[in-house]
Amino acid sequence: MNRLFSAAAGALALVLTAPTFAQNYPTKSITFVVPFAAGSATDQLARALGQSVNAETGQPVVVDNKPGANGFIGAQAVAKAAPDGYTVFITTNTTHAANEHLFKKLPYDPVKDFAPVTGLAKGAQIMVVNPSLPYKTVAEFIAAAKKEPGKLTFGSGSSSSRIAGELLQQMAGIQLLHVPYKSNPLAVTDLLGGQIHMMITDMATGMPQVKAGKLRALGVSSLKRSSLAPDVPTIAEAGVPGYEMGFWFAAYVPAGTPPAVVKRLNELLVKAVASPSAKSLFESTGFEPFTTTPDELSKFQLAESRKWQSIIKKAGIEPE
């Protein structure tokens, strides 16, 4: 009886203190968990947003990179974290739309284990090769791949990057050897070193190397050319009609986080997306702002999951 009374009293205390807790939030440092390596597009966005949240609240924002296993490690860490608003998952369609169709079993549930906060940004990718290779156009790369099926390699460190390569194979009628990495920056490192031949990566990771002359850009994955590289044709116009592949970023917290805290986080992050630090990143990466309500993100995630399922099935990818 005493145990029942204590449990009831504890629950009542939690209900009564929740509004006050939310009203005062945040009162300590917030951790942004990123499921990819430092230097990745997601990491860059998290740090830009963190600057704004820190300036707005006066509380530190710590970016905790947990790369590996296609985002599994970071997703699990957030799913198991205390639902108090102090652990925020800054992630992408990799963990919340694609993984459930790429793997037979996930160690987390992308819907049940998380509460959506807001969308953050959308972006396109760029197809790059080592400049020591003779391919100067998408068409030349495709022609070489057709001559020697399975010989040319492509690397990927995210589902967006991988599916972009798989979709290219499907639509161009070529066969490439896929080499997986923990994150796109690691794949780029091997591309620079000549260990792989090609990758389709986010602009934030690829463009600095292109501008430095260390990589050659063959095409962008969007249907329209990027303002960051207006001279680089789209993959669609360069030889693969109809080709398009983008990605998105969003923020989530552990399931069970008080709605008032989610609302406050939504306000902080929506404001952060419009901050000078985020705008500067968007200008240098070609990202586009994409903010939502928690409910809008939930509906968007469902629609995206269905879209990625369709792409993955059409690409003939069997769940691992």
C-alpha atoms as a PDB file:
ATOM      1  CA  MET A   1       0.000   0.000   0.000  1.00  0.00           C
ATOM      2  CA  ASN A   2       2.811   2.357   0.953  1.00  0.00           C
ATOM      3  CA  ARG A   3       4.532   1.586  -2.359  1.00  0.00           C
ATOM      4  CA  LEU A   4       1.383   2.434  -4.283  1.00  0.00           C
ATOM      5  CA  PHE A   5       0.982   5.672  -2.346  1.00  0.00           C
ATOM      6  CA  SER A   6       4.622   6.616  -2.941  1.00  0.00           C
ATOM      7  CA  ALA A   7       4.328   5.902  -6.657  1.00  0.00           C
ATOM      8  CA  ALA A   8       1.132   7.940  -6.918  1.00  0.00           C
ATOM      9  CA  ALA A   9       2.663  10.801  -4.983  1.00  0.00           C
ATOM     10  CA  GLY A  10       5.734  10.747  -7.211  1.00  0.00           C
ATOM     11  CA  ALA A  11       3.619  10.828 -10.357  1.00  0.00           C
ATOM     12  CA  LEU A  12       1.542  13.705  -8.996  1.00  0.00           C
ATOM     13  CA  ALA A  13       4.662  15.656  -8.082  1.00  0.00           C
ATOM     14  CA  LEU A  14       5.989  15.157 -11.605  1.00  0.00           C
ATOM     15  CA  VAL A  15       2.757  16.474 -13.130  1.00  0.00           C
ATOM     16  CA  LEU A  16       2.688  19.493 -10.822  1.00  0.00           C
ATOM     17  CA  THR A  17       6.333  20.406 -11.384  1.00  0.00           C
ATOM     18  CA  ALA A  18       6.371  19.811 -15.160  1.00  0.00           C
ATOM     19  CA  PRO A  19       5.008  23.287 -16.105  1.00  0.00           C
ATOM     20  CA  THR A  20       7.557  25.012 -13.854  1.00  0.00           C
ATOM     21  CA  PHE A  21      10.340  22.825 -15.211  1.00  0.00           C
ATOM     22  CA  ALA A  22       9.371  23.658 -18.787  1.00  0.00           C
ATOM     23  CA  GLN A  23       9.009  27.348 -18.037  1.00  0.00           C
ATOM     24  CA  ASN A  24      12.542  27.512 -16.627  1.00  0.00           C
ATOM     25  CA  TYR A  25      14.063  25.342 -19.352  1.00  0.00           C
ATOM     26  CA  PRO A  26      16.962  25.325 -20.053  1.00  0.00           C
ATOM     27  CA  THR A  27      18.824  25.702 -16.774  1.00  0.00           C
ATOM     28  CA  LYS A  28      21.961  23.800 -17.778  1.00  0.00           C
ATOM     29  CA  SER A  29      23.961  22.792 -20.835  1.00  0.00           C
ATOM     30  CA  ILE A  30      22.227  21.056 -23.737  1.00  0.00           C
ATOM     31  CA  THR A  31      23.836  18.218 -25.693  1.00  0.00           C
ATOM     32  CA  PHE A  32      23.308  17.984 -29.444  1.00  0.00           C
ATOM     33  CA  VAL A  33      23.984  14.380 -30.454  1.00  0.00           C
ATOM     34  CA  VAL A  34      25.130  14.031 -34.080  1.00  0.00           C
ATOM     35  CA  PRO A  35      25.206  10.508 -35.585  1.00  0.00           C
ATOM     36  CA  PHE A  36      28.034  11.391 -37.984  1.00  0.00           C
ATOM     37  CA  ALA A  37      31.664  12.457 -37.686  1.00  0.00           C
ATOM     38  CA  ALA A  38      33.004  15.925 -36.967  1.00  0.00           C
ATOM     39  CA  GLY A  39      33.164  17.918 -40.193  1.00  0.00           C
ATOM     40  CA  SER A  40      30.115  16.239 -41.707  1.00  0.00           C
ATOM     41  CA  ALA A  41      27.226  18.371 -42.947  1.00  0.00           C
ATOM     42  CA  THR A  42      25.113  17.407 -39.929  1.00  0.00           C
ATOM     43  CA  ASP A  43      27.947  18.316 -37.568  1.00  0.00           C
ATOM     44  CA  GLN A  44      28.418  21.710 -39.224  1.00  0.00           C
ATOM     45  CA  LEU A  45      24.704  22.451 -38.948  1.00  0.00           C
ATOM     46  CA  ALA A  46      24.560  21.355 -35.298  1.00  0.00           C
ATOM     47  CA  ARG A  47      27.427  23.666 -34.381  1.00  0.00           C
ATOM     48  CA  ALA A  48      25.878  26.631 -36.212  1.00  0.00           C
ATOM     49  CA  LEU A  49      22.542  26.077 -34.466  1.00  0.00           C
ATOM     50  CA  GLY A  50      24.272  25.550 -31.139  1.00  0.00           C
ATOM     51  CA  GLN A  51      25.820  29.012 -31.341  1.00  0.00           C
ATOM     52  CA  SER A  52      22.387  30.560 -31.644  1.00  0.00           C
ATOM     53  CA  VAL A  53      20.806  28.492 -28.860  1.00  0.00           C
ATOM     54  CA  ASN A  54      23.720  29.379 -26.588  1.00  0.00           C
ATOM     55  CA  ALA A  55      23.349  33.084 -27.360  1.00  0.00           C
ATOM     56  CA  GLU A  56      19.577  32.952 -26.814  1.00  0.00           C
ATOM     57  CA  THR A  57      19.562  30.964 -23.555  1.00  0.00           C
ATOM     58  CA  GLY A  58      22.957  31.663 -22.020  1.00  0.00           C
ATOM     59  CA  GLN A  59      23.437  27.908 -21.636  1.00  0.00           C
ATOM     60  CA  PRO A  60      26.293  25.992 -23.308  1.00  0.00           C
ATOM     61  CA  VAL A  61      25.506  23.638 -26.188  1.00  0.00           C
ATOM     62  CA  VAL A  62      27.801  20.632 -26.473  1.00  0.00           C
ATOM     63  CA  VAL A  63      27.983  18.786 -29.809  1.00  0.00           C
ATOM     64  CA  ASP A  64      28.547  15.073 -29.187  1.00  0.00           C
ATOM     65  CA  ASN A  65      29.547  13.176 -32.339  1.00  0.00           C
ATOM     66  CA  LYS A  66      28.619   9.488 -32.288  1.00  0.00           C
ATOM     67  CA  PRO A  67      29.395   8.234 -35.809  1.00  0.00           C
ATOM     68  CA  GLY A  68      29.114   4.718 -37.114  1.00  0.00           C
ATOM     69  CA  ALA A  69      26.678   1.953 -38.039  1.00  0.00           C
ATOM     70  CA  ASN A  70      24.604   4.180 -40.327  1.00  0.00           C
ATOM     71  CA  GLY A  71      23.579   6.379 -37.417  1.00  0.00           C
ATOM     72  CA  PHE A  72      22.592   3.476 -35.124  1.00  0.00           C
ATOM     73  CA  ILE A  73      25.006   4.501 -32.356  1.00  0.00           C
ATOM     74  CA  GLY A  74      23.780   8.074 -32.108  1.00  0.00           C
ATOM     75  CA  ALA A  75      20.117   7.101 -32.431  1.00  0.00           C
ATOM     76  CA  GLN A  76      20.376   4.506 -29.657  1.00  0.00           C
ATOM     77  CA  ALA A  77      22.121   6.962 -27.352  1.00  0.00           C
ATOM     78  CA  VAL A  78      19.335   9.522 -27.730  1.00  0.00           C
ATOM     79  CA  ALA A  79      16.541   6.951 -27.508  1.00  0.00           C
ATOM     80  CA  LYS A  80      17.910   5.823 -24.126  1.00  0.00           C
ATOM     81  CA  ALA A  81      18.617   9.345 -22.802  1.00  0.00           C
ATOM     82  CA  ALA A  82      16.524  11.058 -20.133  1.00  0.00           C
ATOM     83  CA  PRO A  83      13.437  12.692 -21.719  1.00  0.00           C
ATOM     84  CA  ASP A  84      14.152  16.094 -20.219  1.00  0.00           C
ATOM     85  CA  GLY A  85      15.074  18.198 -23.259  1.00  0.00           C
ATOM     86  CA  TYR A  86      18.795  18.241 -22.514  1.00  0.00           C
ATOM     87  CA  THR A  87      19.666  15.621 -25.140  1.00  0.00           C
ATOM     88  CA  VAL A  88      18.692  16.663 -28.670  1.00  0.00           C
ATOM     89  CA  PHE A  89      19.233  14.529 -31.763  1.00  0.00           C
ATOM     90  CA  ILE A  90      20.394  16.582 -34.756  1.00  0.00           C
ATOM     91  CA  THR A  91      20.001  14.016 -37.506  1.00  0.00           C
ATOM     92  CA  THR A  92      18.917  13.291 -41.075  1.00  0.00           C
ATOM     93  CA  ASN A  93      16.749  11.082 -43.228  1.00  0.00           C
ATOM     94  CA  THR A  94      19.414   8.384 -42.710  1.00  0.00           C
ATOM     95  CA  THR A  95      18.219   7.505 -39.202  1.00  0.00           C
ATOM     96  CA  HIS A  96      14.584   8.562 -39.565  1.00  0.00           C
ATOM     97  CA  ALA A  97      13.464   7.541 -43.056  1.00  0.00           C
ATOM     98  CA  ALA A  98      15.979   5.281 -44.786  1.00  0.00           C
ATOM     99  CA  ASN A  99      17.465   2.912 -42.205  1.00  0.00           C
ATOM    100  CA  GLU A 100      14.216   1.077 -41.520  1.00  0.00           C
ATOM    101  CA  HIS A 101      14.198   0.012 -45.187  1.00  0.00           C
ATOM    102  CA  LEU A 102      17.945  -0.689 -45.474  1.00  0.00           C
ATOM    103  CA  PHE A 103      18.174  -3.008 -42.468  1.00  0.00           C
ATOM    104  CA  LYS A 104      16.060  -5.952 -41.409  1.00  0.00           C
ATOM    105  CA  LYS A 105      16.231  -4.990 -37.753  1.00  0.00           C
ATOM    106  CA  LEU A 106      16.978  -1.645 -36.118  1.00  0.00           C
ATOM    107  CA  PRO A 107      18.184  -1.253 -32.506  1.00  0.00           C
ATOM    108  CA  TYR A 108      15.823   1.729 -32.209  1.00  0.00           C
ATOM    109  CA  ASP A 109      12.361   2.709 -33.458  1.00  0.00           C
ATOM    110  CA  PRO A 110      12.498   5.939 -35.534  1.00  0.00           C
ATOM    111  CA  VAL A 111       8.910   6.774 -34.545  1.00  0.00           C
ATOM    112  CA  LYS A 112       8.189   5.322 -31.092  1.00  0.00           C
ATOM    113  CA  ASP A 113      11.553   6.182 -29.505  1.00  0.00           C
ATOM    114  CA  PHE A 114      11.539   9.883 -30.426  1.00  0.00           C
ATOM    115  CA  ALA A 115       9.472  13.042 -30.193  1.00  0.00           C
ATOM    116  CA  PRO A 116       9.805  15.276 -33.280  1.00  0.00           C
ATOM    117  CA  VAL A 117      10.844  18.894 -32.656  1.00  0.00           C
ATOM    118  CA  THR A 118      11.343  20.608 -36.027  1.00  0.00           C
ATOM    119  CA  GLY A 119      12.773  20.215 -39.484  1.00  0.00           C
ATOM    120  CA  LEU A 120      16.002  22.169 -39.916  1.00  0.00           C
ATOM    121  CA  ALA A 121      17.240  22.221 -43.512  1.00  0.00           C
ATOM    122  CA  LYS A 122      17.272  20.484 -46.883  1.00  0.00           C
ATOM    123  CA  GLY A 123      20.160  20.038 -49.273  1.00  0.00           C
ATOM    124  CA  ALA A 124      21.485  18.565 -52.505  1.00  0.00           C
ATOM    125  CA  GLN A 125      24.541  16.451 -53.228  1.00  0.00           C
ATOM    126  CA  ILE A 126      27.426  16.590 -55.654  1.00  0.00           C
ATOM    127  CA  MET A 127      29.054  13.812 -57.683  1.00  0.00           C
ATOM    128  CA  VAL A 128      32.835  14.024 -57.357  1.00  0.00           C
ATOM    129  CA  VAL A 129      35.866  12.071 -58.571  1.00  0.00           C
ATOM    130  CA  ASN A 130      39.584  12.256 -57.985  1.00  0.00           C
ATOM    131  CA  PRO A 131      41.028  14.713 -60.577  1.00  0.00           C
ATOM    132  CA  SER A 132      43.740  12.206 -61.472  1.00  0.00           C
ATOM    133  CA  LEU A 133      41.043  10.121 -63.178  1.00  0.00           C
ATOM    134  CA  PRO A 134      40.271  10.857 -66.843  1.00  0.00           C
ATOM    135  CA  TYR A 135      36.505  11.342 -66.370  1.00  0.00           C
ATOM    136  CA  LYS A 136      35.482  14.967 -66.854  1.00  0.00           C
ATOM    137  CA  THR A 137      31.734  14.439 -67.262  1.00  0.00           C
ATOM    138  CA  VAL A 138      28.993  12.201 -65.918  1.00  0.00           C
ATOM    139  CA  ALA A 139      28.640  10.678 -69.386  1.00  0.00           C
ATOM    140  CA  GLU A 140      32.342   9.754 -69.502  1.00  0.00           C
ATOM    141  CA  PHE A 141      32.140   8.123 -66.077  1.00  0.00           C
ATOM    142  CA  ILE A 142      29.056   6.131 -67.107  1.00  0.00           C
ATOM    143  CA  ALA A 143      30.722   5.033 -70.349  1.00  0.00           C
ATOM    144  CA  ALA A 144      33.759   3.763 -68.426  1.00  0.00           C
ATOM    145  CA  ALA A 145      31.534   1.931 -65.946  1.00  0.00           C
ATOM    146  CA  LYS A 146      29.668   0.212 -68.775  1.00  0.00           C
ATOM    147  CA  LYS A 147      32.928  -0.989 -70.320  1.00  0.00           C
ATOM    148  CA  GLU A 148      34.055  -2.674 -67.091  1.00  0.00           C
ATOM    149  CA  PRO A 149      31.033  -3.569 -64.906  1.00  0.00           C
ATOM    150  CA  GLY A 150      31.854  -3.755 -61.200  1.00  0.00           C
ATOM    151  CA  LYS A 151      35.370  -2.348 -61.498  1.00  0.00           C
ATOM    152  CA  LEU A 152      34.722   1.295 -60.580  1.00  0.00           C
ATOM    153  CA  THR A 153      33.962   1.985 -56.910  1.00  0.00           C
ATOM    154  CA  PHE A 154      31.816   4.511 -55.099  1.00  0.00           C
ATOM    155  CA  GLY A 155      31.964   5.351 -51.402  1.00  0.00           C
ATOM    156  CA  SER A 156      29.240   6.525 -49.036  1.00  0.00           C
ATOM    157  CA  GLY A 157      29.039   7.521 -45.390  1.00  0.00           C
ATOM    158  CA  SER A 158      25.295   8.104 -45.128  1.00  0.00           C
ATOM    159  CA  SER A 159      22.119   6.629 -46.564  1.00  0.00           C
ATOM    160  CA  SER A 160      21.627   9.724 -48.743  1.00  0.00           C
ATOM    161  CA  SER A 161      25.070   9.241 -50.245  1.00  0.00           C
ATOM    162  CA  ARG A 162      24.606   5.512 -50.688  1.00  0.00           C
ATOM    163  CA  ILE A 163      21.146   5.694 -52.248  1.00  0.00           C
ATOM    164  CA  ALA A 164      22.348   8.470 -54.562  1.00  0.00           C
ATOM    165  CA  GLY A 165      24.972   6.053 -55.892  1.00  0.00           C
ATOM    166  CA  GLU A 166      22.528   3.151 -56.058  1.00  0.00           C
ATOM    167  CA  LEU A 167      20.010   5.304 -57.933  1.00  0.00           C
ATOM    168  CA  LEU A 168      22.705   6.363 -60.403  1.00  0.00           C
ATOM    169  CA  GLN A 169      23.477   2.708 -61.118  1.00  0.00           C
ATOM    170  CA  GLN A 170      19.824   1.889 -61.603  1.00  0.00           C
ATOM    171  CA  MET A 171      19.001   4.828 -63.864  1.00  0.00           C
ATOM    172  CA  ALA A 172      22.254   4.755 -65.881  1.00  0.00           C
ATOM    173  CA  GLY A 173      22.327   0.985 -66.264  1.00  0.00           C
ATOM    174  CA  ILE A 174      25.776   0.545 -64.723  1.00  0.00           C
ATOM    175  CA  GLN A 175      27.321  -1.664 -62.040  1.00  0.00           C
ATOM    176  CA  LEU A 176      29.621  -0.109 -59.426  1.00  0.00           C
ATOM    177  CA  LEU A 177      31.241  -1.579 -56.300  1.00  0.00           C
ATOM    178  CA  HIS A 178      29.915   0.082 -53.128  1.00  0.00           C
ATOM    179  CA  VAL A 179      32.390   0.847 -50.312  1.00  0.00           C
ATOM    180  CA  PRO A 180      30.702   1.860 -47.014  1.00  0.00           C
ATOM    181  CA  TYR A 181      32.150   4.360 -44.512  1.00  0.00           C
ATOM    182  CA  LYS A 182      31.150   5.645 -41.065  1.00  0.00           C
ATOM    183  CA  SER A 183      30.674   9.158 -42.449  1.00  0.00           C
ATOM    184  CA  ASN A 184      31.067  11.132 -45.672  1.00  0.00           C
ATOM    185  CA  PRO A 185      34.250  12.970 -44.590  1.00  0.00           C
ATOM    186  CA  LEU A 186      35.977   9.594 -44.140  1.00  0.00           C
ATOM    187  CA  ALA A 187      34.884   8.544 -47.623  1.00  0.00           C
ATOM    188  CA  VAL A 188      36.154  11.839 -49.051  1.00  0.00           C
ATOM    189  CA  THR A 189      39.534  11.199 -47.415  1.00  0.00           C
ATOM    190  CA  ASP A 190      39.833   7.901 -49.292  1.00  0.00           C
ATOM    191  CA  LEU A 191      38.598   9.524 -52.493  1.00  0.00           C
ATOM    192  CA  LEU A 192      41.356  12.120 -52.164  1.00  0.00           C
ATOM    193  CA  GLY A 193      43.849   9.302 -51.616  1.00  0.00           C
ATOM    194  CA  GLY A 194      42.684   7.359 -54.662  1.00  0.00           C
ATOM    195  CA  GLN A 195      41.311   4.370 -52.706  1.00  0.00           C
ATOM    196  CA  ILE A 196      37.867   4.820 -54.293  1.00  0.00           C
ATOM    197  CA  HIS A 197      36.849   6.319 -57.632  1.00  0.00           C
ATOM    198  CA  MET A 198      33.688   8.332 -56.984  1.00  0.00           C
ATOM    199  CA  MET A 199      31.129   9.428 -54.456  1.00  0.00           C
ATOM    200  CA  ILE A 200      27.987  11.516 -54.362  1.00  0.00           C
ATOM    201  CA  THR A 201      28.244  13.556 -51.179  1.00  0.00           C
ATOM    202  CA  ASP A 202      26.635  16.560 -49.536  1.00  0.00           C
ATOM    203  CA  MET A 203      27.762  19.962 -50.775  1.00  0.00           C
ATOM    204  CA  ALA A 204      29.114  20.919 -47.342  1.00  0.00           C
ATOM    205  CA  THR A 205      31.614  18.063 -47.484  1.00  0.00           C
ATOM    206  CA  GLY A 206      32.384  18.026 -51.187  1.00  0.00           C
ATOM    207  CA  MET A 207      32.483  21.650 -52.335  1.00  0.00           C
ATOM    208  CA  PRO A 208      35.491  22.782 -50.240  1.00  0.00           C
ATOM    209  CA  GLN A 209      37.564  20.029 -51.914  1.00  0.00           C
ATOM    210  CA  VAL A 210      36.238  20.988 -55.350  1.00  0.00           C
ATOM    211  CA  LYS A 211      37.076  24.657 -54.789  1.00  0.00           C
ATOM    212  CA  ALA A 212      40.559  23.671 -53.611  1.00  0.00           C
ATOM    213  CA  GLY A 213      41.075  21.703 -56.823  1.00  0.00           C
ATOM    214  CA  LYS A 214      41.450  18.426 -54.925  1.00  0.00           C
ATOM    215  CA  LEU A 215      38.294  16.863 -56.368  1.00  0.00           C
ATOM    216  CA  ARG A 216      36.523  17.224 -59.715  1.00  0.00           C
ATOM    217  CA  ALA A 217      32.773  17.873 -59.709  1.00  0.00           C
ATOM    218  CA  LEU A 218      30.817  16.052 -62.410  1.00  0.00           C
ATOM    219  CA  GLY A 219      27.223  16.880 -61.479  1.00  0.00           C
ATOM    220  CA  VAL A 220      24.768  17.918 -58.758  1.00  0.00           C
ATOM    221  CA  SER A 221      21.914  15.714 -57.590  1.00  0.00           C
ATOM    222  CA  SER A 222      19.137  18.323 -57.648  1.00  0.00           C
ATOM    223  CA  LEU A 223      16.948  19.049 -60.677  1.00  0.00           C
ATOM    224  CA  LYS A 224      18.314  22.586 -60.876  1.00  0.00           C
ATOM    225  CA  ARG A 225      21.919  23.751 -60.761  1.00  0.00           C
ATOM    226  CA  SER A 226      23.365  24.896 -57.451  1.00  0.00           C
ATOM    227  CA  SER A 227      24.199  28.542 -56.851  1.00  0.00           C
ATOM    228  CA  LEU A 228      27.414  27.273 -55.247  1.00  0.00           C
ATOM    229  CA  ALA A 229      28.533  25.651 -58.484  1.00  0.00           C
ATOM    230  CA  PRO A 230      26.591  27.211 -61.367  1.00  0.00           C
ATOM    231  CA  ASP A 231      28.999  25.787 -63.954  1.00  0.00           C
ATOM    232  CA  VAL A 232      28.436  22.216 -62.773  1.00  0.00           C
ATOM    233  CA  PRO A 233      25.519  20.589 -64.610  1.00  0.00           C
ATOM    234  CA  THR A 234      22.864  18.541 -62.868  1.00  0.00           C
ATOM    235  CA  ILE A 235      23.303  14.783 -63.148  1.00  0.00           C
ATOM    236  CA  ALA A 236      19.947  14.800 -64.940  1.00  0.00           C
ATOM    237  CA  GLU A 237      21.128  17.148 -67.699  1.00  0.00           C
ATOM    238  CA  ALA A 238      24.573  15.521 -67.839  1.00  0.00           C
ATOM    239  CA  GLY A 239      23.372  12.136 -68.982  1.00  0.00           C
ATOM    240  CA  VAL A 240      20.815  10.652 -66.567  1.00  0.00           C
ATOM    241  CA  PRO A 241      17.433  12.281 -67.348  1.00  0.00           C
ATOM    242  CA  GLY A 242      15.115  12.564 -64.341  1.00  0.00           C
ATOM    243  CA  TYR A 243      17.823  11.892 -61.760  1.00  0.00           C
ATOM    244  CA  GLU A 244      17.189  13.609 -58.407  1.00  0.00           C
ATOM    245  CA  MET A 245      18.319  12.864 -54.860  1.00  0.00           C
ATOM    246  CA  GLY A 246      18.324  15.196 -51.862  1.00  0.00           C
ATOM    247  CA  PHE A 247      18.425  14.942 -48.078  1.00  0.00           C
ATOM    248  CA  TRP A 248      17.085  16.694 -44.991  1.00  0.00           C
ATOM    249  CA  PHE A 249      18.005  17.477 -41.409  1.00  0.00           C
ATOM    250  CA  ALA A 250      15.695  17.503 -38.387  1.00  0.00           C
ATOM    251  CA  ALA A 251      15.744  17.638 -34.595  1.00  0.00           C
ATOM    252  CA  TYR A 252      14.269  15.034 -32.259  1.00  0.00           C
ATOM    253  CA  VAL A 253      14.275  14.372 -28.515  1.00  0.00           C
ATOM    254  CA  PRO A 254      13.649  11.143 -26.579  1.00  0.00           C
ATOM    255  CA  ALA A 255      10.024  10.001 -26.459  1.00  0.00           C
ATOM    256  CA  GLY A 256       8.297  11.182 -23.309  1.00  0.00           C
ATOM    257  CA  THR A 257       9.894  14.634 -23.267  1.00  0.00           C
ATOM    258  CA  PRO A 258       7.288  17.093 -21.843  1.00  0.00           C
ATOM    259  CA  PRO A 259       5.329  18.818 -24.649  1.00  0.00           C
ATOM    260  CA  ALA A 260       6.101  22.241 -23.160  1.00  0.00           C
ATOM    261  CA  VAL A 261       9.836  21.498 -23.383  1.00  0.00           C
ATOM    262  CA  VAL A 262       9.433  20.295 -26.969  1.00  0.00           C
ATOM    263  CA  LYS A 263       7.582  23.535 -27.737  1.00  0.00           C
ATOM    264  CA  ARG A 264      10.369  25.631 -26.214  1.00  0.00           C
ATOM    265  CA  LEU A 265      13.023  23.688 -28.128  1.00  0.00           C
ATOM    266  CA  ASN A 266      11.031  24.163 -31.312  1.00  0.00           C
ATOM    267  CA  GLU A 267      11.016  27.928 -30.726  1.00  0.00           C
ATOM    268  CA  LEU A 268      14.759  27.992 -30.040  1.00  0.00           C
ATOM    269  CA  LEU A 269      15.687  25.892 -33.076  1.00  0.00           C
ATOM    270  CA  VAL A 270      13.357  27.671 -35.498  1.00  0.00           C
ATOM    271  CA  LYS A 271      14.964  30.927 -34.396  1.00  0.00           C
ATOM    272  CA  ALA A 272      18.418  29.338 -34.708  1.00  0.00           C
ATOM    273  CA  VAL A 273      17.763  28.340 -38.330  1.00  0.00           C
ATOM    274  CA  ALA A 274      17.236  32.041 -39.114  1.00  0.00           C
ATOM    275  CA  SER A 275      20.340  33.121 -37.150  1.00  0.00           C
ATOM    276  CA  PRO A 276      23.434  34.689 -38.755  1.00  0.00           C
ATOM    277  CA  SER A 277      25.544  31.586 -38.025  1.00  0.00           C
ATOM    278  CA  ALA A 278      23.037  29.317 -39.788  1.00  0.00           C
ATOM    279  CA  LYS A 279      22.560  31.727 -42.695  1.00  0.00           C
ATOM    280  CA  SER A 280      26.322  31.828 -43.207  1.00  0.00           C
ATOM    281  CA  LEU A 281      26.426  28.022 -43.313  1.00  0.00           C
ATOM    282  CA  PHE A 282      23.501  27.889 -45.741  1.00  0.00           C
ATOM    283  CA  GLU A 283      25.250  30.331 -48.078  1.00  0.00           C
ATOM    284  CA  SER A 284      28.422  28.227 -48.103  1.00  0.00           C
ATOM    285  CA  THR A 285      26.710  24.837 -48.434  1.00  0.00           C
ATOM    286  CA  GLY A 286      23.596  25.506 -50.485  1.00  0.00           C
ATOM    287  CA  PHE A 287      21.310  24.240 -47.716  1.00  0.00           C
ATOM    288  CA  GLU A 288      17.776  25.626 -47.640  1.00  0.00           C
ATOM    289  CA  PRO A 289      15.942  26.428 -44.372  1.00  0.00           C
ATOM    290  CA  PHE A 290      13.235  23.890 -43.529  1.00  0.00           C
ATOM    291  CA  THR A 291      11.421  24.520 -40.256  1.00  0.00           C
ATOM    292  CA  THR A 292       8.210  22.853 -39.084  1.00  0.00           C
ATOM    293  CA  THR A 293       5.978  22.263 -36.107  1.00  0.00           C
ATOM    294  CA  PRO A 294       6.478  18.933 -34.325  1.00  0.00           C
ATOM    295  CA  ASP A 295       3.273  17.607 -35.922  1.00  0.00           C
ATOM    296  CA  GLU A 296       4.361  18.729 -39.396  1.00  0.00           C
ATOM    297  CA  LEU A 297       7.709  16.963 -38.942  1.00  0.00           C
ATOM    298  CA  SER A 298       5.918  13.783 -37.885  1.00  0.00           C
ATOM    299  CA  LYS A 299       3.786  13.794 -41.053  1.00  0.00           C
ATOM    300  CA  PHE A 300       6.778  14.725 -43.240  1.00  0.00           C
ATOM    301  CA  GLN A 301       8.845  11.887 -41.759  1.00  0.00           C
ATOM    302  CA  LEU A 302       6.081   9.372 -42.559  1.00  0.00           C
ATOM    303  CA  ALA A 303       5.851  10.571 -46.166  1.00  0.00           C
ATOM    304  CA  GLU A 304       9.650  10.503 -46.527  1.00  0.00           C
ATOM    305  CA  SER A 305       9.858   6.991 -45.117  1.00  0.00           C
ATOM    306  CA  ARG A 306       7.444   5.807 -47.800  1.00  0.00           C
ATOM    307  CA  LYS A 307       9.419   7.650 -50.495  1.00  0.00           C
ATOM    308  CA  TRP A 308      12.745   6.162 -49.420  1.00  0.00           C
ATOM    309  CA  GLN A 309      11.158   2.717 -49.236  1.00  0.00           C
ATOM    310  CA  SER A 310      10.113   3.089 -52.867  1.00  0.00           C
ATOM    311  CA  ILE A 311      13.558   4.294 -54.002  1.00  0.00           C
ATOM    312  CA  ILE A 312      15.348   1.494 -52.149  1.00  0.00           C
ATOM    313  CA  LYS A 313      13.039  -1.172 -53.605  1.00  0.00           C
ATOM    314  CA  LYS A 314      13.416   0.196 -57.135  1.00  0.00           C
ATOM    315  CA  ALA A 315      17.195   0.230 -56.702  1.00  0.00           C
ATOM    316  CA  GLY A 316      16.993  -3.489 -55.877  1.00  0.00           C
ATOM    317  CA  ILE A 317      18.681  -3.089 -52.488  1.00  0.00           C
ATOM    318  CA  GLU A 318      18.048  -6.027 -50.157  1.00  0.00           C
ATOM    319  CA  PRO A 319      17.869  -5.116 -46.436  1.00  0.00           C
ATOM    320  CA  GLU A 320      21.016  -6.171 -44.602  1.00  0.00           C
END
